[in-house]
Amino acid sequence: MDAPTGSLIAYSTAPGAVAADGVDRNGIFTKHLIKHLAAPNLTVEQVLKKVRIDVAAETSQRQIPWESSSLMGEFFFSAAPAAAPTLTPPGSGKFDGAWDVKVECSDHTEGSLAKGYTLRFTADVKNGTLDGQYKTKGAPGSLTVNGRIQPDGTSELKANGITDEPAYSVNNIARGTPYGYRIKARFDDARGTGSRIEGRTCNYSFAKK
């Protein structure tokens, strides 16, 4: 039988041949057709070709499915679901770019003495998240600063570092000791300021490049 224009007729075996029933609930052809119908983004011709290959393999080439087609376009039984769009919070990218960072920690004179110091490095902001690194991460004297800047410019950043010379650390902590603290900061379009929340006084300034 010839398929009318715009249609397709699938047969479980070639003309003049007999289709095997198989031992399952469905015949061999139907079993493999059901298996491949759910495959996403395959045209009906691709589905039937996969069915034909599986049926021929299972029957040792004794049964070869056949079809008569006069389709004029592409037809799919199943399409892959569209990828969910990545949602970015409104305003989260307004601070994106490179920022110069300056850290000024004054002399500590209460209790254990510690010398003051100044650090300068660059931080990158991407999708509203700041990442800055002074020296190689994990090396003595290094400092990592990161955290999210809210669309209104407020931010609580985290600082994690490794002590260098004991004279610059409160209580003269040994060189190579990890430490951490939080920074309360505020940003506008081109500048920002922040202060260390715990421990000694350290002030941050940010300037967009």
Protein backbone atom coordinates (compact mmCIF):
# COMPACT_ATOMS: atom_id res chain seq x y z
CA MET A 1 0.00 0.00 0.00
CA ASP A 2 1.31 3.44 -0.93
CA ALA A 3 1.07 6.17 1.70
CA PRO A 4 -1.14 9.15 0.74
CA THR A 5 0.66 12.45 0.39
CA GLY A 6 1.86 13.76 3.76
CA SER A 7 1.59 10.42 5.57
CA LEU A 8 3.67 7.43 6.57
CA ILE A 9 2.66 3.76 6.93
CA ALA A 10 4.95 1.51 9.00
CA TYR A 11 4.92 -2.29 8.65
CA SER A 12 6.35 -4.72 11.18
CA THR A 13 8.10 -6.68 8.41
CA ALA A 14 8.93 -6.55 4.72
CA PRO A 15 6.26 -7.29 2.03
CA GLY A 16 5.57 -11.02 1.74
CA ALA A 17 7.30 -11.85 5.04
CA VAL A 18 5.79 -12.93 8.37
CA ALA A 19 6.31 -10.96 11.59
CA ALA A 20 7.39 -12.88 14.70
CA ASP A 21 5.15 -12.62 17.74
CA GLY A 22 7.99 -12.89 20.23
CA VAL A 23 7.63 -14.12 23.81
CA ASP A 24 6.71 -10.86 25.53
CA ARG A 25 3.37 -9.08 25.88
CA ASN A 26 4.03 -7.20 22.64
CA GLY A 27 5.47 -8.48 19.38
CA ILE A 28 9.11 -7.86 18.57
CA PHE A 29 8.37 -4.88 16.31
CA THR A 30 5.99 -3.25 18.81
CA LYS A 31 8.41 -3.79 21.70
CA HIS A 32 11.22 -1.92 19.96
CA LEU A 33 8.88 0.76 18.60
CA ILE A 34 7.68 1.58 22.13
CA LYS A 35 11.30 1.72 23.33
CA HIS A 36 12.35 4.30 20.72
CA LEU A 37 9.20 6.44 20.63
CA ALA A 38 10.28 8.35 23.74
CA ALA A 39 13.74 9.24 22.37
CA PRO A 40 13.84 13.07 22.11
CA ASN A 41 14.59 15.00 18.93
CA LEU A 42 14.43 12.04 16.54
CA THR A 43 12.39 12.28 13.34
CA VAL A 44 9.90 9.48 12.65
CA GLU A 45 12.26 8.13 9.99
CA GLN A 46 15.14 8.00 12.51
CA VAL A 47 12.90 6.23 15.05
CA LEU A 48 11.85 3.59 12.51
CA LYS A 49 15.42 3.06 11.41
CA LYS A 50 16.46 2.33 15.01
CA VAL A 51 13.49 -0.03 15.33
CA ARG A 52 14.47 -1.80 12.11
CA ILE A 53 18.06 -2.30 13.33
CA ASP A 54 16.92 -3.75 16.68
CA VAL A 55 14.29 -6.05 15.16
CA ALA A 56 16.71 -7.34 12.54
CA ALA A 57 19.32 -8.02 15.22
CA GLU A 58 16.87 -9.86 17.50
CA THR A 59 15.48 -12.03 14.69
CA SER A 60 18.85 -12.70 13.04
CA GLN A 61 17.71 -10.75 9.94
CA ARG A 62 14.57 -12.87 9.50
CA GLN A 63 12.27 -9.89 10.12
CA ILE A 64 13.01 -6.50 8.54
CA PRO A 65 10.46 -3.76 9.29
CA TRP A 66 9.33 -1.66 6.32
CA GLU A 67 7.60 1.66 5.75
CA SER A 68 5.98 3.62 2.95
CA SER A 69 6.31 7.37 3.30
CA SER A 70 5.25 10.50 1.48
CA LEU A 71 5.94 12.92 4.34
CA MET A 72 6.67 16.48 3.21
CA GLY A 73 8.22 17.73 6.46
CA GLU A 74 9.87 16.68 9.70
CA PHE A 75 7.80 14.89 12.34
CA PHE A 76 8.95 14.21 15.91
CA PHE A 77 7.28 11.97 18.47
CA SER A 78 9.15 13.59 21.37
CA ALA A 79 11.10 16.83 21.65
CA ALA A 80 13.71 17.57 24.31
CA PRO A 81 12.42 19.98 26.97
CA ALA A 82 13.61 23.54 26.55
CA ALA A 83 16.41 24.51 28.91
CA ALA A 84 15.24 26.65 31.79
CA PRO A 85 16.51 30.23 31.44
CA THR A 86 19.19 31.32 33.88
CA LEU A 87 17.66 33.97 36.09
CA THR A 88 19.88 36.78 37.29
CA PRO A 89 18.58 38.91 40.18
CA PRO A 90 17.67 42.43 38.98
CA GLY A 91 20.57 44.84 39.33
CA SER A 92 23.06 42.12 40.27
CA GLY A 93 25.41 43.09 37.42
CA LYS A 94 25.57 46.85 37.98
CA PHE A 95 28.80 46.53 39.98
CA ASP A 96 30.48 44.08 37.58
CA GLY A 97 34.05 44.85 36.55
CA ALA A 98 37.52 45.25 38.02
CA TRP A 99 37.98 47.17 41.30
CA ASP A 100 41.09 48.52 43.00
CA VAL A 101 41.06 47.50 46.67
CA LYS A 102 42.98 49.19 49.47
CA VAL A 103 43.15 47.75 52.98
CA GLU A 104 44.45 49.94 55.81
CA CYS A 105 44.90 48.36 59.23
CA SER A 106 46.09 50.89 61.79
CA ASP A 107 48.52 50.22 64.64
CA HIS A 108 46.88 48.11 67.32
CA THR A 109 47.63 49.59 70.74
CA GLU A 110 45.11 47.86 72.99
CA GLY A 111 46.54 44.90 74.86
CA SER A 112 49.03 43.17 72.58
CA LEU A 113 50.73 45.65 70.22
CA ALA A 114 50.67 45.08 66.45
CA LYS A 115 52.10 47.23 63.66
CA GLY A 116 49.77 48.70 61.08
CA TYR A 117 49.95 47.80 57.40
CA THR A 118 48.45 48.64 54.01
CA LEU A 119 47.55 46.21 51.22
CA ARG A 120 46.59 46.96 47.62
CA PHE A 121 45.18 44.48 45.11
CA THR A 122 42.52 44.05 42.43
CA ALA A 123 39.13 42.39 42.86
CA ASP A 124 36.75 41.27 40.12
CA VAL A 125 32.99 41.50 40.41
CA LYS A 126 30.93 39.16 38.22
CA ASN A 127 27.14 38.87 38.45
CA GLY A 128 27.29 40.82 41.67
CA THR A 129 29.87 38.60 43.40
CA LEU A 130 33.23 40.07 44.40
CA ASP A 131 36.44 38.00 44.41
CA GLY A 132 39.75 39.55 45.35
CA GLN A 133 43.15 38.02 46.06
CA TYR A 134 46.31 39.55 47.58
CA LYS A 135 49.42 37.40 46.99
CA THR A 136 49.18 33.70 46.19
CA LYS A 137 46.34 32.05 48.06
CA GLY A 138 47.64 30.11 51.06
CA ALA A 139 51.02 31.89 51.15
CA PRO A 140 52.11 33.83 54.28
CA GLY A 141 50.75 37.36 54.07
CA SER A 142 48.02 36.42 51.57
CA LEU A 143 44.43 37.64 51.84
CA THR A 144 41.26 36.48 50.05
CA VAL A 145 38.17 38.69 50.04
CA ASN A 146 34.87 37.58 48.55
CA GLY A 147 31.13 37.97 48.89
CA ARG A 148 27.96 39.17 47.22
CA ILE A 149 27.07 42.81 46.64
CA GLN A 150 23.33 43.36 46.90
CA PRO A 151 21.55 45.40 44.19
CA ASP A 152 21.24 48.32 46.66
CA GLY A 153 25.04 48.31 47.19
CA THR A 154 25.11 46.80 50.68
CA SER A 155 27.45 43.87 51.26
CA GLU A 156 28.93 41.66 53.93
CA LEU A 157 32.20 40.29 52.63
CA LYS A 158 34.38 37.54 54.05
CA ALA A 159 38.14 37.89 54.46
CA ASN A 160 40.44 34.91 54.96
CA GLY A 161 44.17 35.24 55.21
CA ILE A 162 47.47 33.77 56.37
CA THR A 163 49.59 35.71 58.86
CA ASP A 164 53.04 36.95 57.87
CA GLU A 165 55.52 38.51 60.31
CA PRO A 166 54.27 38.20 63.93
CA ALA A 167 54.88 41.92 64.58
CA TYR A 168 51.92 42.75 62.33
CA SER A 169 49.49 40.37 64.05
CA VAL A 170 47.57 40.98 67.26
CA ASN A 171 49.03 38.73 69.98
CA ASN A 172 52.04 38.22 67.67
CA ILE A 173 50.53 35.11 66.10
CA ALA A 174 53.07 32.85 64.41
CA ARG A 175 53.75 33.28 60.70
CA GLY A 176 51.60 31.00 58.52
CA THR A 177 48.54 30.95 60.83
CA PRO A 178 45.10 31.13 59.12
CA TYR A 179 42.66 33.84 60.22
CA GLY A 180 39.35 35.26 59.07
CA TYR A 181 36.88 38.07 59.65
CA ARG A 182 33.83 39.79 58.13
CA ILE A 183 33.64 43.17 56.37
CA LYS A 184 30.58 45.39 56.32
CA ALA A 185 30.72 47.34 53.05
CA ARG A 186 28.74 49.75 50.92
CA PHE A 187 29.14 50.31 47.16
CA ASP A 188 27.90 52.84 44.64
CA ASP A 189 28.48 52.81 40.89
CA ALA A 190 32.20 53.64 41.09
CA ARG A 191 33.32 53.55 44.71
CA GLY A 192 32.91 51.62 47.92
CA THR A 193 33.96 51.60 51.55
CA GLY A 194 34.03 48.94 54.24
CA SER A 195 35.17 48.16 57.76
CA ARG A 196 36.31 45.03 59.52
CA ILE A 197 33.60 43.92 61.94
CA GLU A 198 35.62 41.82 64.40
CA GLY A 199 39.03 42.39 65.98
CA ARG A 200 41.44 45.19 65.12
CA THR A 201 40.45 48.24 63.08
CA CYS A 202 40.83 47.73 59.33
CA ASN A 203 39.24 49.98 56.72
CA TYR A 204 38.60 49.08 53.09
CA SER A 205 38.24 51.36 50.09
CA PHE A 206 37.15 50.27 46.62
CA ALA A 207 37.47 52.15 43.33
CA LYS A 208 36.12 50.82 40.05
CA LYS A 209 38.65 50.82 37.22
